[in-house]
C-alpha atoms as a PDB file:
ATOM      1  CA  UNK A   1       3.629  28.091   4.803  1.00  0.00           C
ATOM      2  CA  UNK A   2       6.943  27.596   6.653  1.00  0.00           C
ATOM      3  CA  UNK A   3       9.019  24.428   6.179  1.00  0.00           C
ATOM      4  CA  UNK A   4       7.997  23.090   9.620  1.00  0.00           C
ATOM      5  CA  UNK A   5       4.302  23.806   8.974  1.00  0.00           C
ATOM      6  CA  UNK A   6       4.544  22.134   5.552  1.00  0.00           C
ATOM      7  CA  UNK A   7       6.240  19.084   7.091  1.00  0.00           C
ATOM      8  CA  UNK A   8       3.498  18.734   9.717  1.00  0.00           C
ATOM      9  CA  UNK A   9       0.775  19.171   7.128  1.00  0.00           C
ATOM     10  CA  UNK A  10       2.288  16.605   4.765  1.00  0.00           C
ATOM     11  CA  UNK A  11       2.726  14.087   7.561  1.00  0.00           C
ATOM     12  CA  UNK A  12      -0.953  14.472   8.436  1.00  0.00           C
ATOM     13  CA  UNK A  13      -2.477  14.370   4.972  1.00  0.00           C
ATOM     14  CA  UNK A  14       0.234  12.814   2.763  1.00  0.00           C
ATOM     15  CA  UNK A  15      -1.112  14.372  -0.399  1.00  0.00           C
ATOM     16  CA  UNK A  16      -0.332  17.379  -2.521  1.00  0.00           C
ATOM     17  CA  UNK A  17      -2.623  20.335  -1.790  1.00  0.00           C
ATOM     18  CA  UNK A  18      -0.844  23.467  -3.003  1.00  0.00           C
ATOM     19  CA  UNK A  19       0.332  23.492  -6.593  1.00  0.00           C
ATOM     20  CA  UNK A  20       3.636  25.250  -7.140  1.00  0.00           C
ATOM     21  CA  UNK A  21       3.125  28.443  -9.138  1.00  0.00           C
ATOM     22  CA  UNK A  22       4.756  28.278 -12.576  1.00  0.00           C
ATOM     23  CA  UNK A  23       8.366  29.345 -12.217  1.00  0.00           C
ATOM     24  CA  UNK A  24       8.014  29.400  -8.431  1.00  0.00           C
ATOM     25  CA  UNK A  25       9.809  27.890  -5.482  1.00  0.00           C
ATOM     26  CA  UNK A  26       8.523  25.145  -3.175  1.00  0.00           C
ATOM     27  CA  UNK A  27       9.671  23.333  -0.074  1.00  0.00           C
ATOM     28  CA  UNK A  28      10.723  19.735  -0.538  1.00  0.00           C
ATOM     29  CA  UNK A  29      10.896  17.518   2.532  1.00  0.00           C
ATOM     30  CA  UNK A  30      14.659  17.853   3.049  1.00  0.00           C
ATOM     31  CA  UNK A  31      16.451  19.463   5.999  1.00  0.00           C
ATOM     32  CA  UNK A  32      20.024  19.828   7.205  1.00  0.00           C
ATOM     33  CA  UNK A  33      19.800  17.113   9.847  1.00  0.00           C
ATOM     34  CA  UNK A  34      22.581  15.393   7.869  1.00  0.00           C
ATOM     35  CA  UNK A  35      20.293  16.171   4.904  1.00  0.00           C
ATOM     36  CA  UNK A  36      17.413  13.902   5.838  1.00  0.00           C
ATOM     37  CA  UNK A  37      13.975  13.710   4.259  1.00  0.00           C
ATOM     38  CA  UNK A  38      10.985  14.635   6.417  1.00  0.00           C
ATOM     39  CA  UNK A  39      10.160  10.934   6.893  1.00  0.00           C
ATOM     40  CA  UNK A  40      13.577  10.517   8.585  1.00  0.00           C
ATOM     41  CA  UNK A  41      15.333   8.671   5.753  1.00  0.00           C
ATOM     42  CA  UNK A  42      18.788   9.758   4.570  1.00  0.00           C
ATOM     43  CA  UNK A  43      19.113  11.666   1.316  1.00  0.00           C
ATOM     44  CA  UNK A  44      21.883  10.342  -0.882  1.00  0.00           C
ATOM     45  CA  UNK A  45      20.637  12.166  -3.980  1.00  0.00           C
ATOM     46  CA  UNK A  46      21.780  15.789  -4.454  1.00  0.00           C
ATOM     47  CA  UNK A  47      20.582  18.349  -7.026  1.00  0.00           C
ATOM     48  CA  UNK A  48      21.903  21.653  -5.689  1.00  0.00           C
ATOM     49  CA  UNK A  49      21.983  24.908  -7.650  1.00  0.00           C
ATOM     50  CA  UNK A  50      25.503  26.268  -8.208  1.00  0.00           C
ATOM     51  CA  UNK A  51      26.945  27.594  -4.925  1.00  0.00           C
ATOM     52  CA  UNK A  52      24.359  25.822  -2.761  1.00  0.00           C
ATOM     53  CA  UNK A  53      24.030  24.943   0.077  1.00  0.00           C
ATOM     54  CA  UNK A  54      25.521  28.193   1.292  1.00  0.00           C
ATOM     55  CA  UNK A  55      23.884  29.584   4.477  1.00  0.00           C
ATOM     56  CA  UNK A  56      23.628  32.918   2.612  1.00  0.00           C
ATOM     57  CA  UNK A  57      24.720  35.973   4.673  1.00  0.00           C
ATOM     58  CA  UNK A  58      25.413  33.689   7.644  1.00  0.00           C
ATOM     59  CA  UNK A  59      21.752  32.701   7.916  1.00  0.00           C
ATOM     60  CA  UNK A  60      20.977  29.274   9.261  1.00  0.00           C
ATOM     61  CA  UNK A  61      19.501  27.856   6.048  1.00  0.00           C
ATOM     62  CA  UNK A  62      18.666  24.331   7.143  1.00  0.00           C
ATOM     63  CA  UNK A  63      15.696  23.598   4.867  1.00  0.00           C
ATOM     64  CA  UNK A  64      15.571  22.937   1.138  1.00  0.00           C
ATOM     65  CA  UNK A  65      13.453  24.280  -1.716  1.00  0.00           C
ATOM     66  CA  UNK A  66      13.234  23.312  -5.344  1.00  0.00           C
ATOM     67  CA  UNK A  67      13.570  26.292  -7.686  1.00  0.00           C
ATOM     68  CA  UNK A  68      11.565  26.024 -10.900  1.00  0.00           C
ATOM     69  CA  UNK A  69      12.408  29.546 -12.126  1.00  0.00           C
ATOM     70  CA  UNK A  70      15.503  28.301 -13.960  1.00  0.00           C
ATOM     71  CA  UNK A  71      13.518  25.466 -15.493  1.00  0.00           C
ATOM     72  CA  UNK A  72      15.861  22.894 -14.009  1.00  0.00           C
ATOM     73  CA  UNK A  73      14.323  22.251 -10.589  1.00  0.00           C
ATOM     74  CA  UNK A  74      17.624  22.706  -8.745  1.00  0.00           C
ATOM     75  CA  UNK A  75      17.757  22.848  -4.945  1.00  0.00           C
ATOM     76  CA  UNK A  76      18.525  25.822  -2.672  1.00  0.00           C
ATOM     77  CA  UNK A  77      18.903  25.998   1.079  1.00  0.00           C
ATOM     78  CA  UNK A  78      16.712  28.549   2.873  1.00  0.00           C
ATOM     79  CA  UNK A  79      15.815  29.654   6.366  1.00  0.00           C
ATOM     80  CA  UNK A  80      13.013  27.318   7.433  1.00  0.00           C
ATOM     81  CA  UNK A  81      10.712  30.204   8.454  1.00  0.00           C
ATOM     82  CA  UNK A  82      10.351  31.657   4.935  1.00  0.00           C
ATOM     83  CA  UNK A  83       6.928  30.979   3.383  1.00  0.00           C
ATOM     84  CA  UNK A  84       6.743  28.964   0.143  1.00  0.00           C
ATOM     85  CA  UNK A  85       4.382  26.514  -1.500  1.00  0.00           C
ATOM     86  CA  UNK A  86       5.249  22.918  -0.685  1.00  0.00           C
ATOM     87  CA  UNK A  87       5.379  19.451  -2.189  1.00  0.00           C
ATOM     88  CA  UNK A  88       4.400  16.494  -0.010  1.00  0.00           C
ATOM     89  CA  UNK A  89       6.247  13.262  -0.509  1.00  0.00           C
ATOM     90  CA  UNK A  90       4.736  10.481  -2.527  1.00  0.00           C
ATOM     91  CA  UNK A  91       4.544   7.053  -1.005  1.00  0.00           C
ATOM     92  CA  UNK A  92       3.595   4.495  -3.679  1.00  0.00           C
ATOM     93  CA  UNK A  93       1.068   1.834  -2.811  1.00  0.00           C
ATOM     94  CA  UNK A  94       2.481  -1.625  -2.327  1.00  0.00           C
ATOM     95  CA  UNK A  95       2.243  -3.849  -5.380  1.00  0.00           C
ATOM     96  CA  UNK A  96      -0.946  -5.830  -5.383  1.00  0.00           C
ATOM     97  CA  UNK A  97      -0.908  -9.507  -6.190  1.00  0.00           C
ATOM     98  CA  UNK A  98      -3.836 -11.551  -7.327  1.00  0.00           C
ATOM     99  CA  UNK A  99      -3.728 -15.167  -6.286  1.00  0.00           C
ATOM    100  CA  UNK A 100      -6.398 -17.685  -7.094  1.00  0.00           C
ATOM    101  CA  UNK A 101      -6.918 -20.751  -4.936  1.00  0.00           C
ATOM    102  CA  UNK A 102      -9.196 -23.701  -5.447  1.00  0.00           C
ATOM    103  CA  UNK A 103     -10.837 -24.714  -2.207  1.00  0.00           C
ATOM    104  CA  UNK A 104     -12.291 -28.151  -1.502  1.00  0.00           C
ATOM    105  CA  UNK A 105     -14.873 -28.159   1.247  1.00  0.00           C
ATOM    106  CA  UNK A 106     -16.389 -31.112   3.058  1.00  0.00           C
ATOM    107  CA  UNK A 107     -19.656 -30.218   4.741  1.00  0.00           C
ATOM    108  CA  UNK A 108     -22.552 -31.852   6.451  1.00  0.00           C
ATOM    109  CA  UNK A 109     -25.570 -32.243   4.231  1.00  0.00           C
ATOM    110  CA  UNK A 110     -27.339 -29.470   6.191  1.00  0.00           C
ATOM    111  CA  UNK A 111     -24.788 -26.755   5.305  1.00  0.00           C
ATOM    112  CA  UNK A 112     -26.042 -24.411   2.589  1.00  0.00           C
ATOM    113  CA  UNK A 113     -23.010 -23.209   0.624  1.00  0.00           C
ATOM    114  CA  UNK A 114     -25.232 -20.837  -1.351  1.00  0.00           C
ATOM    115  CA  UNK A 115     -26.228 -18.921   1.810  1.00  0.00           C
ATOM    116  CA  UNK A 116     -24.500 -15.480   1.762  1.00  0.00           C
ATOM    117  CA  UNK A 117     -24.074 -15.570   5.570  1.00  0.00           C
ATOM    118  CA  UNK A 118     -22.266 -18.932   5.374  1.00  0.00           C
ATOM    119  CA  UNK A 119     -20.040 -17.669   2.546  1.00  0.00           C
ATOM    120  CA  UNK A 120     -19.215 -14.453   4.448  1.00  0.00           C
ATOM    121  CA  UNK A 121     -18.369 -16.396   7.613  1.00  0.00           C
ATOM    122  CA  UNK A 122     -16.048 -18.673   5.623  1.00  0.00           C
ATOM    123  CA  UNK A 123     -14.289 -15.622   4.101  1.00  0.00           C
ATOM    124  CA  UNK A 124     -13.782 -14.055   7.537  1.00  0.00           C
ATOM    125  CA  UNK A 125     -12.300 -17.311   8.853  1.00  0.00           C
ATOM    126  CA  UNK A 126      -9.931 -17.595   5.876  1.00  0.00           C
ATOM    127  CA  UNK A 127      -8.870 -13.944   6.221  1.00  0.00           C
ATOM    128  CA  UNK A 128      -8.156 -14.380   9.950  1.00  0.00           C
ATOM    129  CA  UNK A 129      -6.064 -17.507   9.318  1.00  0.00           C
ATOM    130  CA  UNK A 130      -4.035 -15.610   6.692  1.00  0.00           C
ATOM    131  CA  UNK A 131      -3.475 -12.709   9.131  1.00  0.00           C
ATOM    132  CA  UNK A 132      -2.398 -15.186  11.825  1.00  0.00           C
ATOM    133  CA  UNK A 133       0.258 -16.415   9.388  1.00  0.00           C
ATOM    134  CA  UNK A 134       1.645 -12.883   9.010  1.00  0.00           C
ATOM    135  CA  UNK A 135      -0.099 -11.569   5.908  1.00  0.00           C
ATOM    136  CA  UNK A 136      -0.971  -7.884   5.702  1.00  0.00           C
ATOM    137  CA  UNK A 137      -4.006  -6.674   7.613  1.00  0.00           C
ATOM    138  CA  UNK A 138      -5.352  -5.059   4.426  1.00  0.00           C
ATOM    139  CA  UNK A 139      -5.557  -8.355   2.536  1.00  0.00           C
ATOM    140  CA  UNK A 140      -8.719  -8.802   0.501  1.00  0.00           C
ATOM    141  CA  UNK A 141     -10.325 -12.216   0.173  1.00  0.00           C
ATOM    142  CA  UNK A 142     -13.230 -12.768  -2.211  1.00  0.00           C
ATOM    143  CA  UNK A 143     -15.150 -15.592  -3.795  1.00  0.00           C
ATOM    144  CA  UNK A 144     -15.021 -16.156  -7.532  1.00  0.00           C
ATOM    145  CA  UNK A 145     -18.513 -16.904  -8.728  1.00  0.00           C
ATOM    146  CA  UNK A 146     -19.208 -19.486 -11.391  1.00  0.00           C
ATOM    147  CA  UNK A 147     -21.172 -18.472 -14.524  1.00  0.00           C
ATOM    148  CA  UNK A 148     -24.361 -19.689 -12.807  1.00  0.00           C
ATOM    149  CA  UNK A 149     -23.715 -17.313  -9.876  1.00  0.00           C
ATOM    150  CA  UNK A 150     -22.707 -20.025  -7.434  1.00  0.00           C
ATOM    151  CA  UNK A 151     -19.391 -20.154  -5.605  1.00  0.00           C
ATOM    152  CA  UNK A 152     -19.259 -23.893  -4.966  1.00  0.00           C
ATOM    153  CA  UNK A 153     -20.249 -26.875  -7.046  1.00  0.00           C
ATOM    154  CA  UNK A 154     -20.172 -30.585  -6.390  1.00  0.00           C
ATOM    155  CA  UNK A 155     -17.320 -32.370  -8.079  1.00  0.00           C
ATOM    156  CA  UNK A 156     -18.157 -35.475  -9.980  1.00  0.00           C
ATOM    157  CA  UNK A 157     -16.312 -38.429  -8.574  1.00  0.00           C
ATOM    158  CA  UNK A 158     -13.787 -40.132 -10.768  1.00  0.00           C
ATOM    159  CA  UNK A 159     -14.169 -43.828 -11.533  1.00  0.00           C
ATOM    160  CA  UNK A 160     -11.228 -44.503  -9.205  1.00  0.00           C
ATOM    161  CA  UNK A 161     -12.952 -42.698  -6.310  1.00  0.00           C
ATOM    162  CA  UNK A 162     -16.220 -44.555  -6.943  1.00  0.00           C
ATOM    163  CA  UNK A 163     -14.369 -47.882  -7.037  1.00  0.00           C
ATOM    164  CA  UNK A 164     -12.608 -47.106  -3.732  1.00  0.00           C
ATOM    165  CA  UNK A 165     -15.906 -46.093  -2.110  1.00  0.00           C
ATOM    166  CA  UNK A 166     -17.575 -49.319  -3.306  1.00  0.00           C
ATOM    167  CA  UNK A 167     -14.694 -51.382  -1.889  1.00  0.00           C
ATOM    168  CA  UNK A 168     -15.002 -49.614   1.475  1.00  0.00           C
ATOM    169  CA  UNK A 169     -18.762 -50.177   1.479  1.00  0.00           C
ATOM    170  CA  UNK A 170     -18.264 -53.886   0.729  1.00  0.00           C
ATOM    171  CA  UNK A 171     -15.720 -54.212   3.580  1.00  0.00           C
ATOM    172  CA  UNK A 172     -18.189 -52.574   5.988  1.00  0.00           C
ATOM    173  CA  UNK A 173     -20.908 -55.054   4.999  1.00  0.00           C
ATOM    174  CA  UNK A 174     -18.665 -58.067   5.694  1.00  0.00           C
END
């Protein structure tokens, strides 16, 4: 495959398909546009073989291969139309973070927090609010189930909360 064909292929599929034959040569995504990688970023790293880049015999060698025949993986410039195996670039996945939040929910007595449809609707609402605040579209939001299989449970009121509620009830009766 030529350098240009390999670049197009890698941009489409972004995964390695052809393995480089042992001791062979393969295109890497670097070209003489000020030595830029195929994704457009500048290349500050250099690992040229001795005497390279050289535009051998006056050829316009504007594309780069890695040469494994010497065992060192040094670079050589070549005419972009020569056919070699190729190596697509690797783009690591963003680091995933796991965050756990405790959610307090006040509901009417008719809401069933064990209903899967209610739980799913709540997750979709939470996910949309997080997106609206600028979080990644690929964010995953899930419920953590309790040992009994339920997501929510009623909190027992503290003595302070019960005392406050009793005082409010007494004020309402007066």
